[in-house]
Amino acid sequence: MRTRIIPFMSVIAIASACFAADPLITDVSDPKAIISTLKEKAPRISDVALKFSKIPAVLTGKTYVCVTRGEREKAGQGFSFTAAKSGTIYLFVMVRGKASVPPEWTKTDMTAQFMFDTAAFDDIIYKRSVKAGEKVIVPPHNGTDGNTYGTPNACAIVPEE
C-alpha cells in the first residue's frame, strides 16, 4: 500500500471550498457595491460612512447589498442584481420625501436605522418574493427634503429553506 502525503495548505483549501457558502446575490450593476452580512455597524451605502445602527432581528446576519451614494442633489441610484436562490428580498428605503416604490414591493411593519456621525436616519422596509436566477430591479430613491435626495436603497435576501 502506498501512502500519499498531501500538503497541509491543500487540505485547508479543499475544506474551505467544501464549506464555503453559495453566493446569494450576484451580478450587481454597481461595480462598487458591497455584498456582505447585515449587522449593526455594517455600511448602509458603499462609499460614505453611513452605518446601520438598528436592524430587525429576523434580518440580522442575512446577506445584503448596498451601492454607492453619488451626488446628494440627484436621486439615489437604482441598481439591479441576480438572486441566486429563491426567497424573499427586503428593500430598505430611507425616510426622505415621498420615494416611489413599485407596487410589487409590499410595505412591512419593520424599520431599520443608520447613522451619519451622530445623526440618525430611518429606513422603511418593503419585501417581495424572488425566484432563483431572477434579476431584481431596485428602484432609485427619488424622495427629497429640500435639495437633498434620499440615499440609494439597499436589499437583503432571506433564502427559502
Protein backbone atom coordinates (compact mmCIF):
# COMPACT_ATOMS: atom_id res chain seq x y z
CA MET A 1 0.00 0.00 0.00
CA ARG A 2 1.24 3.40 -0.95
CA THR A 3 0.80 6.44 1.30
CA ARG A 4 0.30 9.80 -0.28
CA ILE A 5 1.15 12.98 1.59
CA ILE A 6 -0.99 16.00 0.82
CA PRO A 7 0.45 19.36 1.86
CA PHE A 8 -1.41 20.91 4.79
CA MET A 9 -2.39 24.07 2.86
CA SER A 10 -4.02 21.93 0.16
CA VAL A 11 -6.21 20.30 2.79
CA ILE A 12 -7.27 23.72 4.07
CA ALA A 13 -8.09 24.91 0.55
CA ILE A 14 -10.15 21.79 -0.16
CA ALA A 15 -12.02 22.08 3.15
CA SER A 16 -12.70 25.78 2.57
CA ALA A 17 -14.12 25.08 -0.88
CA CYS A 18 -16.38 22.35 0.52
CA PHE A 19 -17.80 24.55 3.27
CA ALA A 20 -17.91 27.92 1.50
CA ALA A 21 -21.39 29.43 1.37
CA ASP A 22 -23.00 29.79 -2.01
CA PRO A 23 -23.39 33.43 -3.01
CA LEU A 24 -26.98 34.64 -2.70
CA ILE A 25 -26.53 37.91 -4.62
CA THR A 26 -24.62 38.08 -7.92
CA ASP A 27 -24.24 40.32 -10.97
CA VAL A 28 -24.75 43.64 -9.17
CA SER A 29 -24.91 46.51 -11.67
CA ASP A 30 -22.83 48.87 -9.50
CA PRO A 31 -19.19 47.69 -9.61
CA LYS A 32 -18.53 49.43 -6.27
CA ALA A 33 -21.39 47.68 -4.47
CA ILE A 34 -20.80 45.86 -1.21
CA ILE A 35 -22.29 42.40 -0.66
CA SER A 36 -21.92 41.43 2.98
CA THR A 37 -23.61 40.24 6.16
CA LEU A 38 -26.24 42.57 7.56
CA LYS A 39 -25.42 43.63 11.12
CA GLU A 40 -25.04 46.74 13.24
CA LYS A 41 -22.19 48.96 12.02
CA ALA A 42 -22.37 47.43 8.52
CA PRO A 43 -22.25 50.04 5.72
CA ARG A 44 -25.61 51.45 4.62
CA ILE A 45 -24.04 52.65 1.34
CA SER A 46 -20.70 51.65 -0.09
CA ASP A 47 -18.87 54.97 -0.43
CA VAL A 48 -19.87 57.15 2.55
CA ALA A 49 -19.56 56.49 6.29
CA LEU A 50 -23.21 55.66 6.93
CA LYS A 51 -23.54 52.65 9.24
CA PHE A 52 -26.55 50.58 10.28
CA SER A 53 -27.38 51.14 13.96
CA LYS A 54 -30.64 49.17 14.27
CA ILE A 55 -31.72 46.16 12.21
CA PRO A 56 -34.73 43.86 12.69
CA ALA A 57 -33.65 40.61 14.36
CA VAL A 58 -35.08 38.50 11.52
CA LEU A 59 -32.72 40.22 9.05
CA THR A 60 -29.60 40.32 11.20
CA GLY A 61 -26.96 38.00 9.76
CA LYS A 62 -28.58 37.82 6.31
CA THR A 63 -26.80 38.66 3.06
CA TYR A 64 -27.38 42.19 1.81
CA VAL A 65 -26.20 44.55 -0.92
CA CYS A 66 -25.66 48.31 -0.86
CA VAL A 67 -24.38 50.64 -3.58
CA THR A 68 -22.61 53.99 -3.93
CA ARG A 69 -24.27 57.24 -2.86
CA GLY A 70 -23.44 59.50 -5.76
CA GLU A 71 -24.44 63.16 -5.59
CA ARG A 72 -26.90 64.19 -2.87
CA GLU A 73 -28.58 66.59 -5.30
CA LYS A 74 -29.60 63.66 -7.56
CA ALA A 75 -31.90 60.74 -6.90
CA GLY A 76 -30.22 57.86 -5.08
CA GLN A 77 -29.28 55.47 -7.88
CA GLY A 78 -31.31 52.41 -8.74
CA PHE A 79 -29.47 49.18 -9.42
CA SER A 80 -30.00 45.53 -10.24
CA PHE A 81 -28.69 42.16 -9.14
CA THR A 82 -29.46 38.49 -9.60
CA ALA A 83 -30.87 36.39 -6.76
CA ALA A 84 -29.01 33.07 -6.76
CA LYS A 85 -31.71 31.34 -4.69
CA SER A 86 -35.47 31.66 -4.28
CA GLY A 87 -36.66 33.52 -1.21
CA THR A 88 -37.71 36.95 -0.01
CA ILE A 89 -35.98 40.21 -0.84
CA TYR A 90 -36.22 43.05 1.69
CA LEU A 91 -35.88 46.61 0.39
CA PHE A 92 -34.55 49.33 2.73
CA VAL A 93 -35.92 52.76 1.75
CA MET A 94 -34.71 55.87 3.58
CA VAL A 95 -37.48 58.03 5.04
CA ARG A 96 -36.94 61.18 2.99
CA GLY A 97 -39.65 62.84 0.94
CA LYS A 98 -42.06 60.64 -0.99
CA ALA A 99 -39.90 57.94 -2.53
CA SER A 100 -41.64 55.94 -5.26
CA VAL A 101 -41.71 52.21 -4.54
CA PRO A 102 -43.07 49.95 -7.32
CA PRO A 103 -46.30 48.04 -6.49
CA GLU A 104 -44.63 44.60 -6.42
CA TRP A 105 -42.98 45.61 -3.13
CA THR A 106 -45.18 45.21 -0.01
CA LYS A 107 -44.58 47.50 2.95
CA THR A 108 -43.75 45.63 6.18
CA ASP A 109 -44.02 46.87 9.75
CA MET A 110 -40.23 46.63 10.07
CA THR A 111 -37.82 49.55 10.13
CA ALA A 112 -34.06 49.95 10.33
CA GLN A 113 -31.87 52.85 11.34
CA PHE A 114 -28.50 54.12 10.15
CA MET A 115 -26.17 56.81 11.44
CA PHE A 116 -24.01 59.55 9.98
CA ASP A 117 -21.82 60.84 12.79
CA THR A 118 -24.44 61.47 15.49
CA ALA A 119 -27.45 61.94 13.18
CA ALA A 120 -29.88 59.00 12.93
CA PHE A 121 -31.93 58.22 9.81
CA ASP A 122 -34.71 55.67 9.38
CA ASP A 123 -35.45 53.12 6.67
CA ILE A 124 -38.88 51.68 5.94
CA ILE A 125 -38.59 48.04 4.86
CA TYR A 126 -40.55 46.51 1.99
CA LYS A 127 -40.49 42.92 0.73
CA ARG A 128 -41.25 40.74 -2.27
CA SER A 129 -40.69 37.15 -3.37
CA VAL A 130 -37.91 36.22 -5.76
CA LYS A 131 -37.09 33.08 -7.75
CA ALA A 132 -33.61 31.63 -8.18
CA GLY A 133 -31.87 33.27 -11.14
CA GLU A 134 -34.28 36.22 -11.21
CA LYS A 135 -32.94 39.69 -11.93
CA VAL A 136 -34.08 42.10 -9.21
CA ILE A 137 -34.55 45.74 -10.22
CA VAL A 138 -34.08 48.08 -7.25
CA PRO A 139 -35.73 51.46 -7.86
CA PRO A 140 -33.86 54.74 -7.43
CA HIS A 141 -34.68 56.77 -4.31
CA ASN A 142 -36.43 59.85 -5.69
CA GLY A 143 -37.73 61.30 -2.42
CA THR A 144 -36.35 64.72 -1.47
CA ASP A 145 -36.03 67.01 1.51
CA GLY A 146 -35.18 70.42 0.10
CA ASN A 147 -32.37 69.92 -2.42
CA THR A 148 -31.21 66.59 -0.97
CA TYR A 149 -32.41 63.19 -2.15
CA GLY A 150 -32.56 60.03 -0.08
CA THR A 151 -29.68 57.56 -0.07
CA PRO A 152 -29.88 54.69 -2.56
CA ASN A 153 -31.99 51.76 -1.41
CA ALA A 154 -30.36 48.61 -0.04
CA CYS A 155 -31.59 44.99 -0.18
CA ALA A 156 -31.29 41.87 1.96
CA ILE A 157 -32.19 38.34 0.89
CA VAL A 158 -33.65 35.57 3.02
CA PRO A 159 -33.47 32.32 1.03
CA GLU A 160 -36.17 29.65 1.22
CA GLU A 161 -35.24 26.76 3.45
